[in-house]
Amino acid sequence: MSGKIMLHRARTLRRAQTEQEQQLWQCLRAKRFANFKFKRQYPLGNYIVDFICFKPRIIIELDGSQHTDSKDYDAERDAWFSSQGFRVLRIWNNQWMLERNDVLQMIWNELN
C-alpha cells in the first residue's frame, strides 16, 4: 500500500478505536507512562500497529477475538517487526479488562 493510503487508514483507525484501545491509550499517551513516548495506530512498513514506542522499540498489539482466526497473519507481522528490531507484546482485550494492573506491569517490565 502507498504511504498516503496507509496514513489515511491509520487516521481512520484512530477515530474508531475500541473501548480497550481507548483505555490503554489514556495510560500511555502524552508520556504518562514513565515518560515513554508512545504513538497509536502508527503505520510501520505494510502494517499499522496499535501502539509503538520507538525507544526502546516496543510494539503493543491489543487483540480482540478476531485474532484467534488470524494467527498465521499475526505471526508474519510479528516476524517482520522483529526483523526491524522491535519486540511485540500481544495483549488480549479480556486480559486488559480483567488484569489491567498486571498488563501495565508487563509493559513496564518490557520498557525497562
Protein backbone atom coordinates (compact mmCIF):
# COMPACT_ATOMS: atom_id res chain seq x y z
CA MET A 1 0.00 0.00 0.00
CA SER A 2 1.13 3.53 -0.64
CA GLY A 3 2.12 5.81 2.19
CA LYS A 4 -0.91 8.07 1.67
CA ILE A 5 -3.32 5.13 1.86
CA MET A 6 -1.63 3.78 5.00
CA LEU A 7 -1.74 7.19 6.67
CA HIS A 8 -5.43 7.63 5.82
CA ARG A 9 -6.19 4.14 7.15
CA ALA A 10 -4.24 4.84 10.36
CA ARG A 11 -6.19 8.07 10.91
CA THR A 12 -9.45 6.19 10.38
CA LEU A 13 -8.40 3.56 12.92
CA ARG A 14 -7.52 6.27 15.46
CA ARG A 15 -11.06 7.62 15.22
CA ALA A 16 -12.57 4.12 15.55
CA GLN A 17 -10.58 2.77 18.49
CA THR A 18 -12.11 0.03 20.58
CA GLU A 19 -13.02 0.73 24.19
CA GLN A 20 -9.97 -1.25 25.32
CA GLU A 21 -7.66 0.67 22.97
CA GLN A 22 -9.04 3.97 24.27
CA GLN A 23 -8.46 2.91 27.87
CA LEU A 24 -4.90 1.74 27.26
CA TRP A 25 -4.18 4.88 25.23
CA GLN A 26 -5.22 7.01 28.21
CA CYS A 27 -2.47 5.27 30.22
CA LEU A 28 0.20 5.60 27.50
CA ARG A 29 -0.44 8.98 25.86
CA ALA A 30 1.44 12.20 26.45
CA LYS A 31 4.36 10.42 28.11
CA ARG A 32 2.09 9.47 31.03
CA PHE A 33 3.63 6.02 31.28
CA ALA A 34 7.03 6.52 32.92
CA ASN A 35 7.81 9.34 30.46
CA PHE A 36 7.93 6.97 27.44
CA LYS A 37 6.66 8.42 24.15
CA PHE A 38 4.00 6.23 22.51
CA LYS A 39 2.17 6.68 19.24
CA ARG A 40 -1.09 4.95 18.37
CA GLN A 41 -2.35 3.40 15.15
CA TYR A 42 1.01 4.02 13.54
CA PRO A 43 1.94 2.86 10.01
CA LEU A 44 5.07 0.72 10.00
CA GLY A 45 6.05 -0.96 6.75
CA ASN A 46 2.91 -2.54 5.27
CA TYR A 47 1.21 -2.69 8.66
CA ILE A 48 -0.45 -0.42 11.19
CA VAL A 49 0.46 -1.11 14.80
CA ASP A 50 -1.85 -0.37 17.71
CA PHE A 51 0.81 1.30 19.89
CA ILE A 52 4.51 1.88 19.36
CA CYS A 53 7.36 3.25 21.45
CA PHE A 54 10.49 3.85 19.35
CA LYS A 55 12.75 3.91 22.37
CA PRO A 56 13.15 1.05 23.36
CA ARG A 57 11.46 -0.32 20.17
CA ILE A 58 8.31 -1.88 21.63
CA ILE A 59 5.05 -2.54 19.80
CA ILE A 60 1.88 -3.26 21.76
CA GLU A 61 -0.93 -5.05 19.96
CA LEU A 62 -4.27 -5.14 21.77
CA ASP A 63 -6.13 -8.07 20.24
CA GLY A 64 -9.79 -8.99 20.20
CA SER A 65 -11.33 -12.38 19.46
CA GLN A 66 -10.94 -11.88 15.69
CA HIS A 67 -7.23 -12.61 16.14
CA THR A 68 -7.92 -16.25 17.03
CA ASP A 69 -8.58 -16.74 13.31
CA SER A 70 -5.52 -14.79 12.11
CA LYS A 71 -2.64 -16.48 13.95
CA ASP A 72 -0.62 -17.01 10.75
CA TYR A 73 -1.03 -13.37 9.70
CA ASP A 74 -0.13 -12.14 13.19
CA ALA A 75 2.96 -14.40 13.23
CA GLU A 76 4.01 -12.95 9.85
CA ARG A 77 3.56 -9.40 11.17
CA ASP A 78 5.46 -10.17 14.37
CA ALA A 79 8.32 -11.73 12.41
CA TRP A 80 8.60 -8.64 10.21
CA PHE A 81 8.52 -6.31 13.24
CA SER A 82 11.19 -8.44 14.89
CA SER A 83 13.35 -8.23 11.75
CA GLN A 84 13.13 -4.44 12.14
CA GLY A 85 14.37 -4.61 15.73
CA PHE A 86 11.03 -4.35 17.56
CA ARG A 87 9.64 -6.52 20.34
CA VAL A 88 5.92 -7.21 20.14
CA LEU A 89 3.65 -7.51 23.15
CA ARG A 90 0.30 -9.10 22.31
CA ILE A 91 -2.39 -8.44 24.87
CA TRP A 92 -5.91 -9.82 24.67
CA ASN A 93 -8.77 -7.37 25.23
CA ASN A 94 -10.20 -9.54 28.01
CA GLN A 95 -6.77 -9.68 29.67
CA TRP A 96 -6.72 -5.87 29.68
CA MET A 97 -10.25 -5.71 31.11
CA LEU A 98 -9.63 -8.30 33.86
CA GLU A 99 -5.94 -7.82 34.71
CA ARG A 100 -5.21 -4.18 33.95
CA ASN A 101 -2.54 -3.73 36.63
CA ASP A 102 -0.78 -6.93 35.53
CA VAL A 103 -0.80 -5.75 31.90
CA LEU A 104 0.64 -2.37 32.86
CA GLN A 105 3.31 -4.13 34.93
CA MET A 106 4.16 -6.35 31.94
CA ILE A 107 4.53 -3.25 29.72
CA TRP A 108 6.68 -1.59 32.38
CA ASN A 109 8.91 -4.67 32.57
CA GLU A 110 9.40 -4.67 28.78
CA LEU A 111 10.27 -0.99 28.73
CA ASN A 112 12.88 -1.30 31.48
